[in-house]
Amino acid sequence: MAAKERKSVLLRLDPDVHEALSRWAADELRSANAQIEFLLRRALGQAGRLPRGVRADVTSLPRRGRPPKGADGADEPDAAEEPDTERGEPEAGDPRPDPHEENP
């Protein structure tokens, strides 16, 4: 099933309302557009006016952007960041001198 085409709408807002909305959106790591859609879905759901099959919660919105940590192993440390204990590299905070350092 193909995704529905998103509807574009021109919206005129009072500049102070837009500024407040933009700050709120930024606090919740959303764009102003996503914040407006979030608030409209919530208001429609509370009023019992959502069309059948449309959910008021954010989970029904398509996920955009970077996947969350852990979804694809992204939270695993890189091998380059880990000390090579087999080669004798000291771990961070190790009081032993580095054997590869010229003047300890």
C-alpha atoms as a PDB file:
ATOM      1  CA  MET A   1       0.000   0.000   0.000  1.00  0.00           C
ATOM      2  CA  ALA A   2       1.439   3.370  -1.019  1.00  0.00           C
ATOM      3  CA  ALA A   3       1.787   6.101   1.586  1.00  0.00           C
ATOM      4  CA  LYS A   4      -0.827   8.839   1.499  1.00  0.00           C
ATOM      5  CA  GLU A   5       0.190  12.132  -0.047  1.00  0.00           C
ATOM      6  CA  ARG A   6       0.580  14.757   2.690  1.00  0.00           C
ATOM      7  CA  LYS A   7      -1.657  17.791   2.341  1.00  0.00           C
ATOM      8  CA  SER A   8       0.035  21.217   2.172  1.00  0.00           C
ATOM      9  CA  VAL A   9      -1.800  24.029   3.929  1.00  0.00           C
ATOM     10  CA  LEU A  10      -0.972  27.730   4.154  1.00  0.00           C
ATOM     11  CA  LEU A  11      -1.459  28.857   7.742  1.00  0.00           C
ATOM     12  CA  ARG A  12      -1.339  32.470   8.875  1.00  0.00           C
ATOM     13  CA  LEU A  13      -0.344  32.910  12.513  1.00  0.00           C
ATOM     14  CA  ASP A  14       0.183  35.839  14.805  1.00  0.00           C
ATOM     15  CA  PRO A  15       3.987  36.298  15.078  1.00  0.00           C
ATOM     16  CA  ASP A  16       3.901  35.894  18.877  1.00  0.00           C
ATOM     17  CA  VAL A  17       1.900  32.665  18.566  1.00  0.00           C
ATOM     18  CA  HIS A  18       4.354  31.376  15.951  1.00  0.00           C
ATOM     19  CA  GLU A  19       7.317  32.232  18.185  1.00  0.00           C
ATOM     20  CA  ALA A  20       5.754  30.439  21.166  1.00  0.00           C
ATOM     21  CA  LEU A  21       4.882  27.433  18.985  1.00  0.00           C
ATOM     22  CA  SER A  22       8.419  27.286  17.574  1.00  0.00           C
ATOM     23  CA  ARG A  23       9.975  27.395  21.066  1.00  0.00           C
ATOM     24  CA  TRP A  24       7.621  24.634  22.256  1.00  0.00           C
ATOM     25  CA  ALA A  25       8.422  22.530  19.190  1.00  0.00           C
ATOM     26  CA  ALA A  26      12.162  22.982  19.744  1.00  0.00           C
ATOM     27  CA  ASP A  27      11.788  21.946  23.400  1.00  0.00           C
ATOM     28  CA  GLU A  28      10.200  18.685  22.226  1.00  0.00           C
ATOM     29  CA  LEU A  29      12.663  18.203  19.330  1.00  0.00           C
ATOM     30  CA  ARG A  30       9.990  18.690  16.681  1.00  0.00           C
ATOM     31  CA  SER A  31       9.630  21.065  13.772  1.00  0.00           C
ATOM     32  CA  ALA A  32       6.939  23.728  14.039  1.00  0.00           C
ATOM     33  CA  ASN A  33       4.964  21.831  11.386  1.00  0.00           C
ATOM     34  CA  ALA A  34       5.160  18.552  13.328  1.00  0.00           C
ATOM     35  CA  GLN A  35       4.155  20.367  16.525  1.00  0.00           C
ATOM     36  CA  ILE A  36       1.068  21.823  14.817  1.00  0.00           C
ATOM     37  CA  GLU A  37       0.051  18.386  13.526  1.00  0.00           C
ATOM     38  CA  PHE A  38       0.666  16.841  16.958  1.00  0.00           C
ATOM     39  CA  LEU A  39      -1.510  19.464  18.659  1.00  0.00           C
ATOM     40  CA  LEU A  40      -4.265  19.186  16.051  1.00  0.00           C
ATOM     41  CA  ARG A  41      -4.393  15.383  16.339  1.00  0.00           C
ATOM     42  CA  ARG A  42      -4.535  15.620  20.130  1.00  0.00           C
ATOM     43  CA  ALA A  43      -7.300  18.250  20.021  1.00  0.00           C
ATOM     44  CA  LEU A  44      -9.304  16.253  17.459  1.00  0.00           C
ATOM     45  CA  GLY A  45      -8.935  13.097  19.562  1.00  0.00           C
ATOM     46  CA  GLN A  46     -10.056  14.860  22.751  1.00  0.00           C
ATOM     47  CA  ALA A  47     -13.070  16.298  20.923  1.00  0.00           C
ATOM     48  CA  GLY A  48     -13.959  12.903  19.453  1.00  0.00           C
ATOM     49  CA  ARG A  49     -13.628  14.262  15.918  1.00  0.00           C
ATOM     50  CA  LEU A  50     -10.823  12.145  14.483  1.00  0.00           C
ATOM     51  CA  PRO A  51     -11.788  10.253  11.324  1.00  0.00           C
ATOM     52  CA  ARG A  52     -12.062   6.484  11.601  1.00  0.00           C
ATOM     53  CA  GLY A  53      -8.680   4.782  11.361  1.00  0.00           C
ATOM     54  CA  VAL A  54      -6.695   7.895  12.342  1.00  0.00           C
ATOM     55  CA  ARG A  55      -4.977   7.769  15.705  1.00  0.00           C
ATOM     56  CA  ALA A  56      -4.425  10.784  17.926  1.00  0.00           C
ATOM     57  CA  ASP A  57      -1.125   9.576  19.375  1.00  0.00           C
ATOM     58  CA  VAL A  58       2.232  10.368  17.851  1.00  0.00           C
ATOM     59  CA  THR A  59       3.074   6.720  17.192  1.00  0.00           C
ATOM     60  CA  SER A  60       0.783   6.758  14.174  1.00  0.00           C
ATOM     61  CA  LEU A  61       2.875   9.498  12.540  1.00  0.00           C
ATOM     62  CA  PRO A  62       5.670   8.382  10.219  1.00  0.00           C
ATOM     63  CA  ARG A  63       9.090   8.394  11.908  1.00  0.00           C
ATOM     64  CA  ARG A  64      11.577  10.706  10.277  1.00  0.00           C
ATOM     65  CA  GLY A  65      15.222  11.427  10.917  1.00  0.00           C
ATOM     66  CA  ARG A  66      17.906   9.401  12.618  1.00  0.00           C
ATOM     67  CA  PRO A  67      16.823   6.069  14.167  1.00  0.00           C
ATOM     68  CA  PRO A  68      16.932   5.880  17.972  1.00  0.00           C
ATOM     69  CA  LYS A  69      20.053   4.517  19.653  1.00  0.00           C
ATOM     70  CA  GLY A  70      20.066   0.753  19.923  1.00  0.00           C
ATOM     71  CA  ALA A  71      17.796   0.233  16.914  1.00  0.00           C
ATOM     72  CA  ASP A  72      20.693  -0.924  14.740  1.00  0.00           C
ATOM     73  CA  GLY A  73      23.514  -1.318  17.219  1.00  0.00           C
ATOM     74  CA  ALA A  74      24.351   2.386  16.999  1.00  0.00           C
ATOM     75  CA  ASP A  75      24.931   2.564  20.742  1.00  0.00           C
ATOM     76  CA  GLU A  76      27.713  -0.032  20.552  1.00  0.00           C
ATOM     77  CA  PRO A  77      31.107   1.625  21.028  1.00  0.00           C
ATOM     78  CA  ASP A  78      33.368   1.747  18.004  1.00  0.00           C
ATOM     79  CA  ALA A  79      36.310  -0.616  18.054  1.00  0.00           C
ATOM     80  CA  ALA A  80      38.600   2.377  17.510  1.00  0.00           C
ATOM     81  CA  GLU A  81      37.398   3.921  20.795  1.00  0.00           C
ATOM     82  CA  GLU A  82      38.115   0.851  22.918  1.00  0.00           C
ATOM     83  CA  PRO A  83      41.650   0.447  24.287  1.00  0.00           C
ATOM     84  CA  ASP A  84      43.612  -2.386  22.720  1.00  0.00           C
ATOM     85  CA  THR A  85      44.412  -4.364  25.856  1.00  0.00           C
ATOM     86  CA  GLU A  86      45.920  -7.181  23.778  1.00  0.00           C
ATOM     87  CA  ARG A  87      48.579  -4.776  22.522  1.00  0.00           C
ATOM     88  CA  GLY A  88      49.167  -3.454  26.006  1.00  0.00           C
ATOM     89  CA  GLU A  89      47.488  -0.061  25.625  1.00  0.00           C
ATOM     90  CA  PRO A  90      46.396   1.219  29.030  1.00  0.00           C
ATOM     91  CA  GLU A  91      42.727   1.970  29.609  1.00  0.00           C
ATOM     92  CA  ALA A  92      41.680   5.527  30.423  1.00  0.00           C
ATOM     93  CA  GLY A  93      42.610   6.350  33.999  1.00  0.00           C
ATOM     94  CA  ASP A  94      45.180   3.515  34.173  1.00  0.00           C
ATOM     95  CA  PRO A  95      48.033   4.680  36.467  1.00  0.00           C
ATOM     96  CA  ARG A  96      50.608   2.559  34.614  1.00  0.00           C
ATOM     97  CA  PRO A  97      52.834   4.460  32.172  1.00  0.00           C
ATOM     98  CA  ASP A  98      52.250   3.994  28.457  1.00  0.00           C
ATOM     99  CA  PRO A  99      55.019   1.716  27.109  1.00  0.00           C
ATOM    100  CA  HIS A 100      54.759   3.412  23.669  1.00  0.00           C
ATOM    101  CA  GLU A 101      55.302   6.931  25.028  1.00  0.00           C
ATOM    102  CA  GLU A 102      58.862   8.278  24.467  1.00  0.00           C
ATOM    103  CA  ASN A 103      59.240  10.427  27.606  1.00  0.00           C
ATOM    104  CA  PRO A 104      56.920   9.248  30.393  1.00  0.00           C
END
